[in-house]
Amino acid sequence: MDRLTCKSRVEHVAKAIQLIRSFVAHVTEEDFLIDVKLQSAVQYQFLIIGEAIKCIDGDILRKYDYPWHIPRSFRNFIIHEYHGVRMERIYYAAKDLDDLNKQVMQILENEF
C-alpha cells in the first residue's frame, strides 16, 4: 500500500474518533439508548475505524502497542451481528477512545 493511501486511512480513523467524541460528548447513556439516529451515526463511525485500520500497513501498526484486532473485530461484529448489537456496548466504546486516539496521533506524527 502506498504511504499516501496509508496516511489517508490513519486520518480517517482520527476523524471518525473526533466525530464520535463530538456526537456523545454531552450525552448520557440513557439519552443515547433512545436516540436511534445518534446510535446509527456512532456505529457508522466505528465501521469507518475498523475498515480503515484493516487497510493500514501492518508494518506500521506493529510498531505501536495497541490491540489493533479489537477495532477490526468490533467493525465485523457491528456489520455481521447487527441484530445482536447492544447499544450499551456501543455507548461505552464511544466513551473509551483515548488509547486508540493516542496511538493514531502518534502514527500520524511519527510515520508521515
N, C-alpha and C. Protein backbone atom coordinates (compact mmCIF):
# COMPACT_ATOMS: atom_id res chain seq x y z
N MET A 1 0.85 -1.17 0.00
CA MET A 1 0.00 0.00 0.00
C MET A 1 0.89 1.23 0.00
N ASP A 2 0.56 2.20 -0.83
CA ASP A 2 1.41 3.38 -0.84
C ASP A 2 1.18 4.22 0.42
N ARG A 3 2.19 4.97 0.78
CA ARG A 3 2.18 5.73 2.03
C ARG A 3 1.06 6.77 2.06
N LEU A 4 0.75 7.37 0.92
CA LEU A 4 -0.31 8.38 0.88
C LEU A 4 -1.66 7.76 1.24
N THR A 5 -1.94 6.61 0.66
CA THR A 5 -3.18 5.93 0.97
C THR A 5 -3.21 5.50 2.44
N CYS A 6 -2.09 5.01 2.92
CA CYS A 6 -1.99 4.59 4.31
C CYS A 6 -2.22 5.79 5.23
N LYS A 7 -1.61 6.90 4.92
CA LYS A 7 -1.81 8.12 5.72
C LYS A 7 -3.28 8.52 5.72
N SER A 8 -3.92 8.44 4.56
CA SER A 8 -5.34 8.79 4.46
C SER A 8 -6.18 7.91 5.37
N ARG A 9 -5.86 6.63 5.41
CA ARG A 9 -6.62 5.71 6.28
C ARG A 9 -6.44 6.06 7.75
N VAL A 10 -5.22 6.40 8.13
CA VAL A 10 -4.99 6.81 9.52
C VAL A 10 -5.76 8.09 9.82
N GLU A 11 -5.77 9.01 8.88
CA GLU A 11 -6.54 10.26 9.05
C GLU A 11 -8.03 9.97 9.15
N HIS A 12 -8.52 8.97 8.41
CA HIS A 12 -9.94 8.60 8.51
C HIS A 12 -10.27 8.12 9.92
N VAL A 13 -9.35 7.33 10.51
CA VAL A 13 -9.56 6.86 11.88
C VAL A 13 -9.62 8.05 12.83
N ALA A 14 -8.67 8.97 12.67
CA ALA A 14 -8.63 10.15 13.55
C ALA A 14 -9.92 10.96 13.43
N LYS A 15 -10.39 11.15 12.23
CA LYS A 15 -11.62 11.92 12.00
C LYS A 15 -12.83 11.20 12.60
N ALA A 16 -12.90 9.89 12.43
CA ALA A 16 -14.03 9.14 12.99
C ALA A 16 -14.04 9.21 14.51
N ILE A 17 -12.86 9.13 15.12
CA ILE A 17 -12.77 9.27 16.57
C ILE A 17 -13.28 10.65 16.99
N GLN A 18 -12.82 11.67 16.29
CA GLN A 18 -13.24 13.04 16.58
C GLN A 18 -14.76 13.17 16.48
N LEU A 19 -15.33 12.60 15.44
CA LEU A 19 -16.78 12.69 15.27
C LEU A 19 -17.53 11.96 16.37
N ILE A 20 -17.10 10.76 16.69
CA ILE A 20 -17.77 10.01 17.76
C ILE A 20 -17.73 10.81 19.06
N ARG A 21 -16.55 11.32 19.36
CA ARG A 21 -16.43 12.11 20.59
C ARG A 21 -17.38 13.31 20.59
N SER A 22 -17.48 13.98 19.46
CA SER A 22 -18.38 15.14 19.40
C SER A 22 -19.84 14.70 19.49
N PHE A 23 -20.16 13.56 18.92
CA PHE A 23 -21.55 13.08 18.97
C PHE A 23 -21.99 12.76 20.39
N VAL A 24 -21.10 12.18 21.19
CA VAL A 24 -21.51 11.69 22.53
C VAL A 24 -20.97 12.54 23.67
N ALA A 25 -20.37 13.67 23.35
CA ALA A 25 -19.70 14.49 24.37
C ALA A 25 -20.58 14.81 25.58
N HIS A 26 -21.79 15.19 25.35
CA HIS A 26 -22.67 15.60 26.45
C HIS A 26 -23.94 14.74 26.50
N VAL A 27 -23.79 13.50 26.11
CA VAL A 27 -24.93 12.60 26.02
C VAL A 27 -24.82 11.53 27.10
N THR A 28 -25.87 11.37 27.85
CA THR A 28 -25.90 10.30 28.85
C THR A 28 -26.20 8.98 28.16
N GLU A 29 -25.90 7.90 28.85
CA GLU A 29 -26.23 6.58 28.31
C GLU A 29 -27.73 6.47 28.05
N GLU A 30 -28.51 6.96 28.97
CA GLU A 30 -29.97 6.90 28.83
C GLU A 30 -30.43 7.61 27.55
N ASP A 31 -29.89 8.79 27.32
CA ASP A 31 -30.26 9.54 26.11
C ASP A 31 -29.77 8.82 24.85
N PHE A 32 -28.58 8.26 24.92
CA PHE A 32 -28.05 7.52 23.78
C PHE A 32 -28.96 6.35 23.41
N LEU A 33 -29.44 5.65 24.43
CA LEU A 33 -30.23 4.44 24.19
C LEU A 33 -31.59 4.71 23.56
N ILE A 34 -32.06 5.96 23.61
CA ILE A 34 -33.34 6.26 22.97
C ILE A 34 -33.19 7.04 21.66
N ASP A 35 -31.96 7.38 21.30
CA ASP A 35 -31.72 8.19 20.10
C ASP A 35 -31.17 7.31 18.97
N VAL A 36 -32.05 6.79 18.16
CA VAL A 36 -31.68 5.87 17.09
C VAL A 36 -30.76 6.53 16.06
N LYS A 37 -31.00 7.80 15.77
CA LYS A 37 -30.13 8.50 14.82
C LYS A 37 -28.70 8.60 15.35
N LEU A 38 -28.58 8.92 16.61
CA LEU A 38 -27.26 9.02 17.23
C LEU A 38 -26.57 7.65 17.26
N GLN A 39 -27.32 6.63 17.60
CA GLN A 39 -26.77 5.27 17.59
C GLN A 39 -26.23 4.92 16.21
N SER A 40 -27.00 5.23 15.18
CA SER A 40 -26.58 4.94 13.81
C SER A 40 -25.33 5.72 13.42
N ALA A 41 -25.29 6.98 13.80
CA ALA A 41 -24.14 7.81 13.47
C ALA A 41 -22.87 7.28 14.13
N VAL A 42 -22.96 6.91 15.38
CA VAL A 42 -21.79 6.40 16.10
C VAL A 42 -21.36 5.06 15.53
N GLN A 43 -22.32 4.19 15.28
CA GLN A 43 -21.97 2.88 14.70
C GLN A 43 -21.27 3.05 13.34
N TYR A 44 -21.75 3.96 12.53
CA TYR A 44 -21.14 4.19 11.22
C TYR A 44 -19.68 4.61 11.38
N GLN A 45 -19.40 5.46 12.33
CA GLN A 45 -18.02 5.90 12.54
C GLN A 45 -17.15 4.74 13.04
N PHE A 46 -17.71 3.86 13.85
CA PHE A 46 -16.96 2.66 14.26
C PHE A 46 -16.68 1.76 13.06
N LEU A 47 -17.60 1.70 12.12
CA LEU A 47 -17.35 0.92 10.90
C LEU A 47 -16.18 1.51 10.12
N ILE A 48 -16.14 2.83 10.03
CA ILE A 48 -15.03 3.50 9.34
C ILE A 48 -13.71 3.19 10.04
N ILE A 49 -13.71 3.28 11.36
CA ILE A 49 -12.49 2.99 12.12
C ILE A 49 -11.99 1.58 11.83
N GLY A 50 -12.86 0.61 11.94
CA GLY A 50 -12.47 -0.78 11.73
C GLY A 50 -11.99 -1.04 10.32
N GLU A 51 -12.69 -0.51 9.35
CA GLU A 51 -12.31 -0.72 7.94
C GLU A 51 -11.00 -0.02 7.62
N ALA A 52 -10.84 1.19 8.10
CA ALA A 52 -9.60 1.93 7.83
C ALA A 52 -8.40 1.22 8.46
N ILE A 53 -8.55 0.76 9.69
CA ILE A 53 -7.44 0.06 10.36
C ILE A 53 -7.08 -1.20 9.59
N LYS A 54 -8.07 -1.86 9.07
CA LYS A 54 -7.83 -3.08 8.28
C LYS A 54 -6.94 -2.77 7.08
N CYS A 55 -6.99 -1.54 6.58
CA CYS A 55 -6.27 -1.17 5.38
C CYS A 55 -4.94 -0.45 5.64
N ILE A 56 -4.59 -0.26 6.90
CA ILE A 56 -3.31 0.38 7.24
C ILE A 56 -2.22 -0.68 7.23
N ASP A 57 -1.07 -0.32 6.70
CA ASP A 57 0.08 -1.23 6.60
C ASP A 57 0.37 -1.85 7.97
N GLY A 58 0.37 -3.17 8.01
CA GLY A 58 0.64 -3.90 9.25
C GLY A 58 2.00 -3.60 9.83
N ASP A 59 2.98 -3.31 8.99
CA ASP A 59 4.32 -2.96 9.49
C ASP A 59 4.27 -1.69 10.34
N ILE A 60 3.41 -0.77 9.97
CA ILE A 60 3.24 0.45 10.76
C ILE A 60 2.52 0.13 12.06
N LEU A 61 1.42 -0.58 11.98
CA LEU A 61 0.64 -0.86 13.19
C LEU A 61 1.45 -1.64 14.22
N ARG A 62 2.29 -2.56 13.78
CA ARG A 62 3.07 -3.38 14.71
C ARG A 62 4.05 -2.56 15.54
N LYS A 63 4.36 -1.37 15.10
CA LYS A 63 5.28 -0.50 15.86
C LYS A 63 4.62 0.11 17.09
N TYR A 64 3.31 0.04 17.16
CA TYR A 64 2.55 0.72 18.21
C TYR A 64 1.80 -0.30 19.06
N ASP A 65 1.97 -0.16 20.36
CA ASP A 65 1.42 -1.11 21.31
C ASP A 65 -0.07 -0.85 21.52
N TYR A 66 -0.85 -1.47 20.66
CA TYR A 66 -2.30 -1.35 20.75
C TYR A 66 -2.91 -2.63 20.17
N PRO A 67 -4.00 -3.12 20.75
CA PRO A 67 -4.65 -4.33 20.22
C PRO A 67 -5.48 -3.99 18.97
N TRP A 68 -4.82 -3.87 17.84
CA TRP A 68 -5.47 -3.42 16.60
C TRP A 68 -6.58 -4.36 16.15
N HIS A 69 -6.55 -5.59 16.60
CA HIS A 69 -7.62 -6.53 16.23
C HIS A 69 -8.97 -6.13 16.83
N ILE A 70 -8.95 -5.39 17.92
CA ILE A 70 -10.21 -5.05 18.59
C ILE A 70 -11.09 -4.14 17.72
N PRO A 71 -10.60 -3.01 17.20
CA PRO A 71 -11.49 -2.21 16.35
C PRO A 71 -11.89 -2.92 15.06
N ARG A 72 -11.00 -3.77 14.54
CA ARG A 72 -11.38 -4.54 13.33
C ARG A 72 -12.49 -5.52 13.68
N SER A 73 -12.36 -6.20 14.81
CA SER A 73 -13.38 -7.15 15.24
C SER A 73 -14.70 -6.45 15.58
N PHE A 74 -14.59 -5.27 16.18
CA PHE A 74 -15.78 -4.50 16.53
C PHE A 74 -16.55 -4.13 15.26
N ARG A 75 -15.82 -3.73 14.23
CA ARG A 75 -16.43 -3.43 12.93
C ARG A 75 -17.17 -4.66 12.40
N ASN A 76 -16.50 -5.80 12.44
CA ASN A 76 -17.11 -7.03 11.94
C ASN A 76 -18.35 -7.40 12.74
N PHE A 77 -18.27 -7.21 14.05
CA PHE A 77 -19.42 -7.52 14.90
C PHE A 77 -20.61 -6.64 14.53
N ILE A 78 -20.37 -5.33 14.37
CA ILE A 78 -21.47 -4.42 14.02
C ILE A 78 -22.06 -4.78 12.67
N ILE A 79 -21.22 -5.09 11.71
CA ILE A 79 -21.69 -5.42 10.35
C ILE A 79 -22.45 -6.75 10.32
N HIS A 80 -21.84 -7.77 10.88
CA HIS A 80 -22.38 -9.13 10.70
C HIS A 80 -23.38 -9.54 11.78
N GLU A 81 -23.29 -8.93 12.93
CA GLU A 81 -24.19 -9.28 14.03
C GLU A 81 -25.07 -8.08 14.41
N TYR A 82 -25.39 -7.28 13.41
CA TYR A 82 -26.15 -6.04 13.63
C TYR A 82 -27.40 -6.27 14.47
N HIS A 83 -28.01 -7.43 14.32
CA HIS A 83 -29.25 -7.74 15.05
C HIS A 83 -29.01 -8.01 16.53
N GLY A 84 -27.75 -8.26 16.90
CA GLY A 84 -27.45 -8.57 18.30
C GLY A 84 -26.61 -7.52 19.00
N VAL A 85 -26.40 -6.39 18.34
CA VAL A 85 -25.57 -5.34 18.94
C VAL A 85 -26.31 -4.70 20.11
N ARG A 86 -25.65 -4.66 21.24
CA ARG A 86 -26.22 -3.99 22.42
C ARG A 86 -25.72 -2.55 22.41
N MET A 87 -26.65 -1.64 22.39
CA MET A 87 -26.30 -0.22 22.29
C MET A 87 -25.51 0.27 23.50
N GLU A 88 -25.67 -0.39 24.64
CA GLU A 88 -24.84 -0.03 25.79
C GLU A 88 -23.37 -0.23 25.46
N ARG A 89 -23.09 -1.29 24.76
CA ARG A 89 -21.70 -1.59 24.38
C ARG A 89 -21.15 -0.51 23.42
N ILE A 90 -21.98 -0.09 22.49
CA ILE A 90 -21.58 0.97 21.56
C ILE A 90 -21.31 2.26 22.33
N TYR A 91 -22.19 2.58 23.27
CA TYR A 91 -22.03 3.79 24.06
C TYR A 91 -20.71 3.77 24.84
N TYR A 92 -20.44 2.67 25.52
CA TYR A 92 -19.22 2.61 26.33
C TYR A 92 -17.97 2.60 25.45
N ALA A 93 -18.05 1.99 24.31
CA ALA A 93 -16.92 2.04 23.37
C ALA A 93 -16.69 3.47 22.90
N ALA A 94 -17.78 4.19 22.68
CA ALA A 94 -17.68 5.59 22.23
C ALA A 94 -17.04 6.48 23.29
N LYS A 95 -17.21 6.13 24.53
CA LYS A 95 -16.63 6.90 25.64
C LYS A 95 -15.21 6.44 25.99
N ASP A 96 -14.72 5.42 25.30
CA ASP A 96 -13.42 4.81 25.64
C ASP A 96 -12.48 4.80 24.43
N LEU A 97 -12.25 5.95 23.87
CA LEU A 97 -11.42 6.06 22.66
C LEU A 97 -10.06 6.71 22.90
N ASP A 98 -9.74 7.01 24.15
CA ASP A 98 -8.50 7.73 24.43
C ASP A 98 -7.25 6.98 23.98
N ASP A 99 -7.15 5.70 24.30
CA ASP A 99 -5.95 4.94 23.92
C ASP A 99 -5.81 4.83 22.41
N LEU A 100 -6.90 4.55 21.74
CA LEU A 100 -6.85 4.47 20.28
C LEU A 100 -6.45 5.81 19.68
N ASN A 101 -7.04 6.86 20.17
CA ASN A 101 -6.72 8.19 19.65
C ASN A 101 -5.24 8.51 19.86
N LYS A 102 -4.72 8.19 21.02
CA LYS A 102 -3.30 8.44 21.31
C LYS A 102 -2.41 7.72 20.31
N GLN A 103 -2.71 6.47 20.03
CA GLN A 103 -1.90 5.70 19.08
C GLN A 103 -2.00 6.26 17.67
N VAL A 104 -3.18 6.63 17.28
CA VAL A 104 -3.40 7.18 15.94
C VAL A 104 -2.64 8.50 15.78
N MET A 105 -2.69 9.33 16.80
CA MET A 105 -1.96 10.62 16.74
C MET A 105 -0.45 10.38 16.66
N GLN A 106 0.03 9.37 17.39
CA GLN A 106 1.46 9.04 17.33
C GLN A 106 1.85 8.53 15.95
N ILE A 107 1.00 7.73 15.35
CA ILE A 107 1.28 7.25 13.99
C ILE A 107 1.35 8.42 13.03
N LEU A 108 0.40 9.31 13.10
CA LEU A 108 0.42 10.48 12.19
C LEU A 108 1.67 11.31 12.40
N GLU A 109 2.08 11.47 13.64
CA GLU A 109 3.25 12.29 13.94
C GLU A 109 4.55 11.59 13.52
N ASN A 110 4.65 10.30 13.76
CA ASN A 110 5.91 9.58 13.56
C ASN A 110 6.10 8.99 12.17
N GLU A 111 5.03 8.66 11.49
CA GLU A 111 5.15 7.88 10.26
C GLU A 111 5.01 8.71 8.99
N PHE A 112 4.39 9.86 9.08
CA PHE A 112 4.11 10.59 7.84
C PHE A 112 4.68 11.98 7.90
